[in-house]
Amino acid sequence: MNCSDAREGLFESFNQLVEIEVCRHREMVPENNKLLRCFQYIKMDAVSVGDYCWNGDCTNCQIWYRAEDGEIKSALACRLYVRPGMVITGLSANLRIDLTE
């Protein structure tokens, strides 16, 4: 079974939405996708026109997340795949503006 979405072709194939926490807000996003695509799923218009290179060169999509060992780590949202229960503890200034306004 594959989830159908009006934005088909934009996201990697997924069977379900998974819950993540983004700066204390719970969100449902498509599994098997990089975080920047998941953020686009949450706020399509803002992230779609944001200043992101989508390939790791600009670092405008930097995030901080709680790793499975409990340590806070940084990563680029365009390179890191979402995992169920993921906790995003911080967002770059660009992402913070695009996701919260």
PDB file of N, CA and C in Angstrom:
ATOM      1  N   MET A   1       0.847  -1.181   0.000  1.00  0.00           N
ATOM      2  CA  MET A   1       0.000   0.000   0.000  1.00  0.00           C
ATOM      3  C   MET A   1       0.888   1.238   0.000  1.00  0.00           C
ATOM      4  N   ASN A   2       0.515   2.210  -0.763  1.00  0.00           N
ATOM      5  CA  ASN A   2       1.278   3.442  -0.859  1.00  0.00           C
ATOM      6  C   ASN A   2       0.331   4.616  -0.647  1.00  0.00           C
ATOM      7  N   CYS A   3       0.744   5.562   0.176  1.00  0.00           N
ATOM      8  CA  CYS A   3      -0.104   6.725   0.435  1.00  0.00           C
ATOM      9  C   CYS A   3      -0.188   7.595  -0.804  1.00  0.00           C
ATOM     10  N   SER A   4      -1.381   8.043  -1.091  1.00  0.00           N
ATOM     11  CA  SER A   4      -1.590   8.958  -2.204  1.00  0.00           C
ATOM     12  C   SER A   4      -1.667  10.365  -1.641  1.00  0.00           C
ATOM     13  N   ASP A   5      -1.127  11.298  -2.363  1.00  0.00           N
ATOM     14  CA  ASP A   5      -1.085  12.665  -1.896  1.00  0.00           C
ATOM     15  C   ASP A   5      -1.191  13.575  -3.109  1.00  0.00           C
ATOM     16  N   ALA A   6      -1.809  14.715  -2.947  1.00  0.00           N
ATOM     17  CA  ALA A   6      -1.938  15.660  -4.056  1.00  0.00           C
ATOM     18  C   ALA A   6      -0.573  16.117  -4.552  1.00  0.00           C
ATOM     19  N   ARG A   7       0.439  15.982  -3.712  1.00  0.00           N
ATOM     20  CA  ARG A   7       1.787  16.414  -4.077  1.00  0.00           C
ATOM     21  C   ARG A   7       2.633  15.235  -4.534  1.00  0.00           C
ATOM     22  N   GLU A   8       1.988  14.209  -5.081  1.00  0.00           N
ATOM     23  CA  GLU A   8       2.667  13.002  -5.520  1.00  0.00           C
ATOM     24  C   GLU A   8       3.822  13.353  -6.453  1.00  0.00           C
ATOM     25  N   GLY A   9       4.934  12.684  -6.299  1.00  0.00           N
ATOM     26  CA  GLY A   9       6.115  12.953  -7.101  1.00  0.00           C
ATOM     27  C   GLY A   9       7.096  13.878  -6.404  1.00  0.00           C
ATOM     28  N   LEU A  10       6.636  14.630  -5.435  1.00  0.00           N
ATOM     29  CA  LEU A  10       7.499  15.531  -4.687  1.00  0.00           C
ATOM     30  C   LEU A  10       8.211  14.789  -3.562  1.00  0.00           C
ATOM     31  N   PHE A  11       7.526  13.793  -3.002  1.00  0.00           N
ATOM     32  CA  PHE A  11       8.053  13.051  -1.862  1.00  0.00           C
ATOM     33  C   PHE A  11       8.474  11.653  -2.275  1.00  0.00           C
ATOM     34  N   GLU A  12       9.420  11.094  -1.521  1.00  0.00           N
ATOM     35  CA  GLU A  12       9.771   9.688  -1.713  1.00  0.00           C
ATOM     36  C   GLU A  12       8.538   8.854  -1.364  1.00  0.00           C
ATOM     37  N   SER A  13       8.477   7.655  -1.897  1.00  0.00           N
ATOM     38  CA  SER A  13       7.353   6.767  -1.627  1.00  0.00           C
ATOM     39  C   SER A  13       7.235   6.510  -0.123  1.00  0.00           C
ATOM     40  N   PHE A  14       6.003   6.556   0.381  1.00  0.00           N
ATOM     41  CA  PHE A  14       5.787   6.282   1.804  1.00  0.00           C
ATOM     42  C   PHE A  14       4.465   5.566   2.000  1.00  0.00           C
ATOM     43  N   ASN A  15       4.431   4.738   3.035  1.00  0.00           N
ATOM     44  CA  ASN A  15       3.227   3.982   3.368  1.00  0.00           C
ATOM     45  C   ASN A  15       2.422   4.616   4.489  1.00  0.00           C
ATOM     46  N   GLN A  16       3.082   5.446   5.276  1.00  0.00           N
ATOM     47  CA  GLN A  16       2.391   6.033   6.417  1.00  0.00           C
ATOM     48  C   GLN A  16       3.042   7.345   6.823  1.00  0.00           C
ATOM     49  N   LEU A  17       2.307   8.085   7.627  1.00  0.00           N
ATOM     50  CA  LEU A  17       2.852   9.275   8.255  1.00  0.00           C
ATOM     51  C   LEU A  17       3.380   8.870   9.624  1.00  0.00           C
ATOM     52  N   VAL A  18       4.481   9.483  10.035  1.00  0.00           N
ATOM     53  CA  VAL A  18       5.055   9.208  11.348  1.00  0.00           C
ATOM     54  C   VAL A  18       5.059  10.502  12.150  1.00  0.00           C
ATOM     55  N   GLU A  19       5.001  10.358  13.456  1.00  0.00           N
ATOM     56  CA  GLU A  19       4.985  11.536  14.319  1.00  0.00           C
ATOM     57  C   GLU A  19       6.406  11.931  14.679  1.00  0.00           C
ATOM     58  N   ILE A  20       6.681  13.235  14.570  1.00  0.00           N
ATOM     59  CA  ILE A  20       7.938  13.795  15.044  1.00  0.00           C
ATOM     60  C   ILE A  20       7.603  15.019  15.884  1.00  0.00           C
ATOM     61  N   GLU A  21       8.589  15.497  16.613  1.00  0.00           N
ATOM     62  CA  GLU A  21       8.418  16.712  17.397  1.00  0.00           C
ATOM     63  C   GLU A  21       9.381  17.760  16.849  1.00  0.00           C
ATOM     64  N   VAL A  22       8.851  18.919  16.502  1.00  0.00           N
ATOM     65  CA  VAL A  22       9.663  20.014  15.972  1.00  0.00           C
ATOM     66  C   VAL A  22       9.538  21.185  16.935  1.00  0.00           C
ATOM     67  N   CYS A  23      10.573  21.395  17.725  1.00  0.00           N
ATOM     68  CA  CYS A  23      10.583  22.494  18.700  1.00  0.00           C
ATOM     69  C   CYS A  23       9.305  22.506  19.538  1.00  0.00           C
ATOM     70  N   ARG A  24       8.999  21.374  20.122  1.00  0.00           N
ATOM     71  CA  ARG A  24       7.865  21.157  21.033  1.00  0.00           C
ATOM     72  C   ARG A  24       6.497  21.117  20.362  1.00  0.00           C
ATOM     73  N   HIS A  25       6.464  21.049  19.043  1.00  0.00           N
ATOM     74  CA  HIS A  25       5.204  20.897  18.310  1.00  0.00           C
ATOM     75  C   HIS A  25       5.194  19.532  17.639  1.00  0.00           C
ATOM     76  N   ARG A  26       4.141  18.783  17.856  1.00  0.00           N
ATOM     77  CA  ARG A  26       4.028  17.462  17.230  1.00  0.00           C
ATOM     78  C   ARG A  26       3.492  17.615  15.810  1.00  0.00           C
ATOM     79  N   GLU A  27       4.105  16.878  14.904  1.00  0.00           N
ATOM     80  CA  GLU A  27       3.733  16.933  13.490  1.00  0.00           C
ATOM     81  C   GLU A  27       3.698  15.523  12.924  1.00  0.00           C
ATOM     82  N   MET A  28       2.868  15.309  11.935  1.00  0.00           N
ATOM     83  CA  MET A  28       2.824  14.049  11.202  1.00  0.00           C
ATOM     84  C   MET A  28       3.438  14.292   9.831  1.00  0.00           C
ATOM     85  N   VAL A  29       4.435  13.465   9.486  1.00  0.00           N
ATOM     86  CA  VAL A  29       5.171  13.649   8.231  1.00  0.00           C
ATOM     87  C   VAL A  29       5.359  12.299   7.548  1.00  0.00           C
ATOM     88  N   PRO A  30       5.637  12.304   6.237  1.00  0.00           N
ATOM     89  CA  PRO A  30       5.802  11.038   5.522  1.00  0.00           C
ATOM     90  C   PRO A  30       7.111  10.336   5.874  1.00  0.00           C
ATOM     91  N   GLU A  31       7.013   9.044   6.167  1.00  0.00           N
ATOM     92  CA  GLU A  31       8.209   8.246   6.424  1.00  0.00           C
ATOM     93  C   GLU A  31       9.063   8.191   5.153  1.00  0.00           C
ATOM     94  N   ASN A  32      10.296   7.709   5.283  1.00  0.00           N
ATOM     95  CA  ASN A  32      11.207   7.495   4.143  1.00  0.00           C
ATOM     96  C   ASN A  32      11.555   8.771   3.395  1.00  0.00           C
ATOM     97  N   ASN A  33      11.488   9.912   4.048  1.00  0.00           N
ATOM     98  CA  ASN A  33      11.812  11.182   3.406  1.00  0.00           C
ATOM     99  C   ASN A  33      12.836  11.943   4.238  1.00  0.00           C
ATOM    100  N   LYS A  34      13.606  12.777   3.558  1.00  0.00           N
ATOM    101  CA  LYS A  34      14.546  13.637   4.268  1.00  0.00           C
ATOM    102  C   LYS A  34      13.756  14.714   4.999  1.00  0.00           C
ATOM    103  N   LEU A  35      14.343  15.209   6.086  1.00  0.00           N
ATOM    104  CA  LEU A  35      13.625  16.166   6.934  1.00  0.00           C
ATOM    105  C   LEU A  35      13.180  17.422   6.191  1.00  0.00           C
ATOM    106  N   LEU A  36      13.988  17.924   5.283  1.00  0.00           N
ATOM    107  CA  LEU A  36      13.577  19.140   4.580  1.00  0.00           C
ATOM    108  C   LEU A  36      12.304  18.895   3.772  1.00  0.00           C
ATOM    109  N   ARG A  37      12.167  17.719   3.170  1.00  0.00           N
ATOM    110  CA  ARG A  37      10.913  17.374   2.474  1.00  0.00           C
ATOM    111  C   ARG A  37       9.775  17.267   3.485  1.00  0.00           C
ATOM    112  N   CYS A  38      10.066  16.716   4.656  1.00  0.00           N
ATOM    113  CA  CYS A  38       9.031  16.620   5.698  1.00  0.00           C
ATOM    114  C   CYS A  38       8.587  18.011   6.139  1.00  0.00           C
ATOM    115  N   PHE A  39       9.540  18.928   6.273  1.00  0.00           N
ATOM    116  CA  PHE A  39       9.180  20.302   6.619  1.00  0.00           C
ATOM    117  C   PHE A  39       8.338  20.919   5.507  1.00  0.00           C
ATOM    118  N   GLN A  40       8.638  20.566   4.272  1.00  0.00           N
ATOM    119  CA  GLN A  40       7.843  21.047   3.142  1.00  0.00           C
ATOM    120  C   GLN A  40       6.427  20.480   3.224  1.00  0.00           C
ATOM    121  N   TYR A  41       6.297  19.246   3.667  1.00  0.00           N
ATOM    122  CA  TYR A  41       4.984  18.620   3.843  1.00  0.00           C
ATOM    123  C   TYR A  41       4.175  19.407   4.878  1.00  0.00           C
ATOM    124  N   ILE A  42       4.849  19.856   5.937  1.00  0.00           N
ATOM    125  CA  ILE A  42       4.192  20.608   7.004  1.00  0.00           C
ATOM    126  C   ILE A  42       3.768  21.992   6.514  1.00  0.00           C
ATOM    127  N   LYS A  43       4.629  22.658   5.792  1.00  0.00           N
ATOM    128  CA  LYS A  43       4.390  24.054   5.389  1.00  0.00           C
ATOM    129  C   LYS A  43       4.846  24.235   3.944  1.00  0.00           C
ATOM    130  N   MET A  44       4.061  23.722   3.025  1.00  0.00           N
ATOM    131  CA  MET A  44       4.422  23.634   1.607  1.00  0.00           C
ATOM    132  C   MET A  44       4.880  24.959   1.008  1.00  0.00           C
ATOM    133  N   ASP A  45       4.074  25.993   1.114  1.00  0.00           N
ATOM    134  CA  ASP A  45       4.394  27.247   0.429  1.00  0.00           C
ATOM    135  C   ASP A  45       5.676  27.885   0.947  1.00  0.00           C
ATOM    136  N   ALA A  46       5.820  27.977   2.248  1.00  0.00           N
ATOM    137  CA  ALA A  46       6.980  28.663   2.822  1.00  0.00           C
ATOM    138  C   ALA A  46       8.282  27.941   2.510  1.00  0.00           C
ATOM    139  N   VAL A  47       8.310  26.634   2.683  1.00  0.00           N
ATOM    140  CA  VAL A  47       9.549  25.890   2.460  1.00  0.00           C
ATOM    141  C   VAL A  47       9.853  25.796   0.972  1.00  0.00           C
ATOM    142  N   SER A  48       8.847  25.704   0.139  1.00  0.00           N
ATOM    143  CA  SER A  48       9.068  25.601  -1.308  1.00  0.00           C
ATOM    144  C   SER A  48       9.782  26.820  -1.877  1.00  0.00           C
ATOM    145  N   VAL A  49       9.501  27.992  -1.344  1.00  0.00           N
ATOM    146  CA  VAL A  49      10.132  29.207  -1.863  1.00  0.00           C
ATOM    147  C   VAL A  49      11.289  29.685  -0.991  1.00  0.00           C
ATOM    148  N   GLY A  50      11.618  28.927   0.048  1.00  0.00           N
ATOM    149  CA  GLY A  50      12.717  29.292   0.937  1.00  0.00           C
ATOM    150  C   GLY A  50      14.060  29.240   0.229  1.00  0.00           C
ATOM    151  N   ASP A  51      15.060  29.803   0.858  1.00  0.00           N
ATOM    152  CA  ASP A  51      16.409  29.883   0.293  1.00  0.00           C
ATOM    153  C   ASP A  51      17.203  28.629   0.655  1.00  0.00           C
ATOM    154  N   TYR A  52      16.860  27.515   0.010  1.00  0.00           N
ATOM    155  CA  TYR A  52      17.507  26.227   0.277  1.00  0.00           C
ATOM    156  C   TYR A  52      18.071  25.663  -1.018  1.00  0.00           C
ATOM    157  N   CYS A  53      19.260  25.073  -0.934  1.00  0.00           N
ATOM    158  CA  CYS A  53      19.873  24.489  -2.130  1.00  0.00           C
ATOM    159  C   CYS A  53      19.418  23.040  -2.331  1.00  0.00           C
ATOM    160  N   TRP A  54      18.938  22.386  -1.285  1.00  0.00           N
ATOM    161  CA  TRP A  54      18.429  21.015  -1.293  1.00  0.00           C
ATOM    162  C   TRP A  54      19.522  19.959  -1.470  1.00  0.00           C
ATOM    163  N   ASN A  55      20.801  20.354  -1.467  1.00  0.00           N
ATOM    164  CA  ASN A  55      21.862  19.365  -1.653  1.00  0.00           C
ATOM    165  C   ASN A  55      22.993  19.465  -0.641  1.00  0.00           C
ATOM    166  N   GLY A  56      22.850  20.268   0.396  1.00  0.00           N
ATOM    167  CA  GLY A  56      23.832  20.321   1.465  1.00  0.00           C
ATOM    168  C   GLY A  56      24.905  21.374   1.330  1.00  0.00           C
ATOM    169  N   ASP A  57      24.857  22.198   0.304  1.00  0.00           N
ATOM    170  CA  ASP A  57      25.902  23.202   0.105  1.00  0.00           C
ATOM    171  C   ASP A  57      25.692  24.479   0.913  1.00  0.00           C
ATOM    172  N   CYS A  58      24.461  24.905   1.105  1.00  0.00           N
ATOM    173  CA  CYS A  58      24.218  26.232   1.684  1.00  0.00           C
ATOM    174  C   CYS A  58      24.137  26.227   3.216  1.00  0.00           C
ATOM    175  N   THR A  59      23.822  25.142   3.824  1.00  0.00           N
ATOM    176  CA  THR A  59      23.625  24.968   5.277  1.00  0.00           C
ATOM    177  C   THR A  59      22.464  25.792   5.842  1.00  0.00           C
ATOM    178  N   ASN A  60      21.592  26.328   5.005  1.00  0.00           N
ATOM    179  CA  ASN A  60      20.440  27.090   5.492  1.00  0.00           C
ATOM    180  C   ASN A  60      19.401  26.211   6.183  1.00  0.00           C
ATOM    181  N   CYS A  61      19.507  24.905   6.018  1.00  0.00           N
ATOM    182  CA  CYS A  61      18.517  23.998   6.619  1.00  0.00           C
ATOM    183  C   CYS A  61      19.086  23.250   7.828  1.00  0.00           C
ATOM    184  N   GLN A  62      20.054  23.846   8.507  1.00  0.00           N
ATOM    185  CA  GLN A  62      20.649  23.177   9.664  1.00  0.00           C
ATOM    186  C   GLN A  62      19.622  23.018  10.780  1.00  0.00           C
ATOM    187  N   ILE A  63      19.657  21.851  11.386  1.00  0.00           N
ATOM    188  CA  ILE A  63      18.775  21.554  12.522  1.00  0.00           C
ATOM    189  C   ILE A  63      19.608  20.929  13.633  1.00  0.00           C
ATOM    190  N   TRP A  64      19.021  20.885  14.818  1.00  0.00           N
ATOM    191  CA  TRP A  64      19.602  20.167  15.942  1.00  0.00           C
ATOM    192  C   TRP A  64      18.553  19.174  16.396  1.00  0.00           C
ATOM    193  N   TYR A  65      18.987  17.946  16.663  1.00  0.00           N
ATOM    194  CA  TYR A  65      18.041  16.899  17.027  1.00  0.00           C
ATOM    195  C   TYR A  65      18.621  16.030  18.131  1.00  0.00           C
ATOM    196  N   ARG A  66      17.722  15.359  18.830  1.00  0.00           N
ATOM    197  CA  ARG A  66      18.132  14.434  19.885  1.00  0.00           C
ATOM    198  C   ARG A  66      18.348  13.071  19.243  1.00  0.00           C
ATOM    199  N   ALA A  67      19.595  12.613  19.274  1.00  0.00           N
ATOM    200  CA  ALA A  67      19.934  11.310  18.707  1.00  0.00           C
ATOM    201  C   ALA A  67      19.381  10.204  19.605  1.00  0.00           C
ATOM    202  N   GLU A  68      19.400   8.990  19.102  1.00  0.00           N
ATOM    203  CA  GLU A  68      18.857   7.863  19.865  1.00  0.00           C
ATOM    204  C   GLU A  68      19.586   7.656  21.186  1.00  0.00           C
ATOM    205  N   ASP A  69      20.860   8.085  21.273  1.00  0.00           N
ATOM    206  CA  ASP A  69      21.610   7.955  22.523  1.00  0.00           C
ATOM    207  C   ASP A  69      21.354   9.123  23.473  1.00  0.00           C
ATOM    208  N   GLY A  70      20.470  10.058  23.079  1.00  0.00           N
ATOM    209  CA  GLY A  70      20.109  11.196  23.916  1.00  0.00           C
ATOM    210  C   GLY A  70      20.944  12.440  23.676  1.00  0.00           C
ATOM    211  N   GLU A  71      22.026  12.305  22.928  1.00  0.00           N
ATOM    212  CA  GLU A  71      22.904  13.436  22.646  1.00  0.00           C
ATOM    213  C   GLU A  71      22.260  14.364  21.610  1.00  0.00           C
ATOM    214  N   ILE A  72      22.459  15.675  21.789  1.00  0.00           N
ATOM    215  CA  ILE A  72      21.976  16.642  20.803  1.00  0.00           C
ATOM    216  C   ILE A  72      23.033  16.752  19.707  1.00  0.00           C
ATOM    217  N   LYS A  73      22.604  16.556  18.468  1.00  0.00           N
ATOM    218  CA  LYS A  73      23.510  16.604  17.322  1.00  0.00           C
ATOM    219  C   LYS A  73      22.968  17.587  16.299  1.00  0.00           C
ATOM    220  N   SER A  74      23.866  18.082  15.454  1.00  0.00           N
ATOM    221  CA  SER A  74      23.424  18.953  14.362  1.00  0.00           C
ATOM    222  C   SER A  74      23.487  18.174  13.057  1.00  0.00           C
ATOM    223  N   ALA A  75      22.665  18.594  12.118  1.00  0.00           N
ATOM    224  CA  ALA A  75      22.620  17.953  10.804  1.00  0.00           C
ATOM    225  C   ALA A  75      21.962  18.922   9.833  1.00  0.00           C
ATOM    226  N   LEU A  76      22.051  18.584   8.568  1.00  0.00           N
ATOM    227  CA  LEU A  76      21.338  19.340   7.540  1.00  0.00           C
ATOM    228  C   LEU A  76      20.048  18.601   7.222  1.00  0.00           C
ATOM    229  N   ALA A  77      18.941  19.314   7.254  1.00  0.00           N
ATOM    230  CA  ALA A  77      17.633  18.688   7.029  1.00  0.00           C
ATOM    231  C   ALA A  77      17.512  18.103   5.631  1.00  0.00           C
ATOM    232  N   CYS A  78      18.293  18.599   4.684  1.00  0.00           N
ATOM    233  CA  CYS A  78      18.236  18.073   3.315  1.00  0.00           C
ATOM    234  C   CYS A  78      19.001  16.760   3.170  1.00  0.00           C
ATOM    235  N   ARG A  79      19.729  16.356   4.221  1.00  0.00           N
ATOM    236  CA  ARG A  79      20.535  15.131   4.158  1.00  0.00           C
ATOM    237  C   ARG A  79      20.090  14.055   5.145  1.00  0.00           C
ATOM    238  N   LEU A  80      19.320  14.424   6.145  1.00  0.00           N
ATOM    239  CA  LEU A  80      18.955  13.499   7.224  1.00  0.00           C
ATOM    240  C   LEU A  80      17.534  12.974   7.020  1.00  0.00           C
ATOM    241  N   TYR A  81      17.404  11.655   7.050  1.00  0.00           N
ATOM    242  CA  TYR A  81      16.077  11.042   6.909  1.00  0.00           C
ATOM    243  C   TYR A  81      15.330  11.070   8.237  1.00  0.00           C
ATOM    244  N   VAL A  82      14.037  11.276   8.146  1.00  0.00           N
ATOM    245  CA  VAL A  82      13.173  11.282   9.316  1.00  0.00           C
ATOM    246  C   VAL A  82      13.105   9.879   9.902  1.00  0.00           C
ATOM    247  N   ARG A  83      12.907   9.810  11.211  1.00  0.00           N
ATOM    248  CA  ARG A  83      12.625   8.533  11.862  1.00  0.00           C
ATOM    249  C   ARG A  83      11.472   8.763  12.841  1.00  0.00           C
ATOM    250  N   PRO A  84      10.638   7.756  13.019  1.00  0.00           N
ATOM    251  CA  PRO A  84       9.498   7.913  13.929  1.00  0.00           C
ATOM    252  C   PRO A  84       9.960   8.343  15.321  1.00  0.00           C
ATOM    253  N   GLY A  85       9.257   9.295  15.894  1.00  0.00           N
ATOM    254  CA  GLY A  85       9.574   9.766  17.232  1.00  0.00           C
ATOM    255  C   GLY A  85      10.735  10.738  17.303  1.00  0.00           C
ATOM    256  N   MET A  86      11.266  11.128  16.180  1.00  0.00           N
ATOM    257  CA  MET A  86      12.408  12.050  16.140  1.00  0.00           C
ATOM    258  C   MET A  86      12.048  13.349  16.850  1.00  0.00           C
ATOM    259  N   VAL A  87      13.013  13.898  17.589  1.00  0.00           N
ATOM    260  CA  VAL A  87      12.808  15.156  18.306  1.00  0.00           C
ATOM    261  C   VAL A  87      13.793  16.188  17.757  1.00  0.00           C
ATOM    262  N   ILE A  88      13.251  17.201  17.099  1.00  0.00           N
ATOM    263  CA  ILE A  88      14.047  18.309  16.575  1.00  0.00           C
ATOM    264  C   ILE A  88      14.051  19.378  17.662  1.00  0.00           C
ATOM    265  N   THR A  89      15.239  19.711  18.173  1.00  0.00           N
ATOM    266  CA  THR A  89      15.329  20.650  19.293  1.00  0.00           C
ATOM    267  C   THR A  89      15.637  22.074  18.867  1.00  0.00           C
ATOM    268  N   GLY A  90      16.136  22.248  17.644  1.00  0.00           N
ATOM    269  CA  GLY A  90      16.468  23.587  17.170  1.00  0.00           C
ATOM    270  C   GLY A  90      16.473  23.655  15.660  1.00  0.00           C
ATOM    271  N   LEU A  91      16.210  24.847  15.142  1.00  0.00           N
ATOM    272  CA  LEU A  91      16.153  25.086  13.699  1.00  0.00           C
ATOM    273  C   LEU A  91      17.016  26.290  13.355  1.00  0.00           C
ATOM    274  N   SER A  92      17.617  26.272  12.170  1.00  0.00           N
ATOM    275  CA  SER A  92      18.338  27.451  11.688  1.00  0.00           C
ATOM    276  C   SER A  92      17.357  28.614  11.589  1.00  0.00           C
ATOM    277  N   ALA A  93      17.886  29.817  11.514  1.00  0.00           N
ATOM    278  CA  ALA A  93      17.023  31.003  11.416  1.00  0.00           C
ATOM    279  C   ALA A  93      16.094  30.907  10.212  1.00  0.00           C
ATOM    280  N   ASN A  94      16.596  30.439   9.077  1.00  0.00           N
ATOM    281  CA  ASN A  94      15.755  30.319   7.876  1.00  0.00           C
ATOM    282  C   ASN A  94      14.592  29.369   8.111  1.00  0.00           C
ATOM    283  N   LEU A  95      14.862  28.204   8.655  1.00  0.00           N
ATOM    284  CA  LEU A  95      13.790  27.233   8.900  1.00  0.00           C
ATOM    285  C   LEU A  95      12.819  27.731   9.956  1.00  0.00           C
ATOM    286  N   ARG A  96      13.329  28.366  10.987  1.00  0.00           N
ATOM    287  CA  ARG A  96      12.467  28.868  12.054  1.00  0.00           C
ATOM    288  C   ARG A  96      11.454  29.850  11.477  1.00  0.00           C
ATOM    289  N   ILE A  97      11.893  30.732  10.612  1.00  0.00           N
ATOM    290  CA  ILE A  97      10.987  31.701   9.988  1.00  0.00           C
ATOM    291  C   ILE A  97       9.989  30.985   9.087  1.00  0.00           C
ATOM    292  N   ASP A  98      10.475  30.062   8.249  1.00  0.00           N
ATOM    293  CA  ASP A  98       9.601  29.399   7.285  1.00  0.00           C
ATOM    294  C   ASP A  98       8.585  28.468   7.942  1.00  0.00           C
ATOM    295  N   LEU A  99       8.930  27.842   9.041  1.00  0.00           N
ATOM    296  CA  LEU A  99       8.021  26.877   9.664  1.00  0.00           C
ATOM    297  C   LEU A  99       7.082  27.494  10.690  1.00  0.00           C
ATOM    298  N   THR A 100       7.420  28.637  11.238  1.00  0.00           N
ATOM    299  CA  THR A 100       6.606  29.171  12.329  1.00  0.00           C
ATOM    300  C   THR A 100       5.738  30.358  11.936  1.00  0.00           C
ATOM    301  N   GLU A 101       5.910  30.899  10.769  1.00  0.00           N
ATOM    302  CA  GLU A 101       5.079  32.050  10.375  1.00  0.00           C
ATOM    303  C   GLU A 101       3.949  31.632   9.482  1.00  0.00           C
TER     304      GLU A 101
END
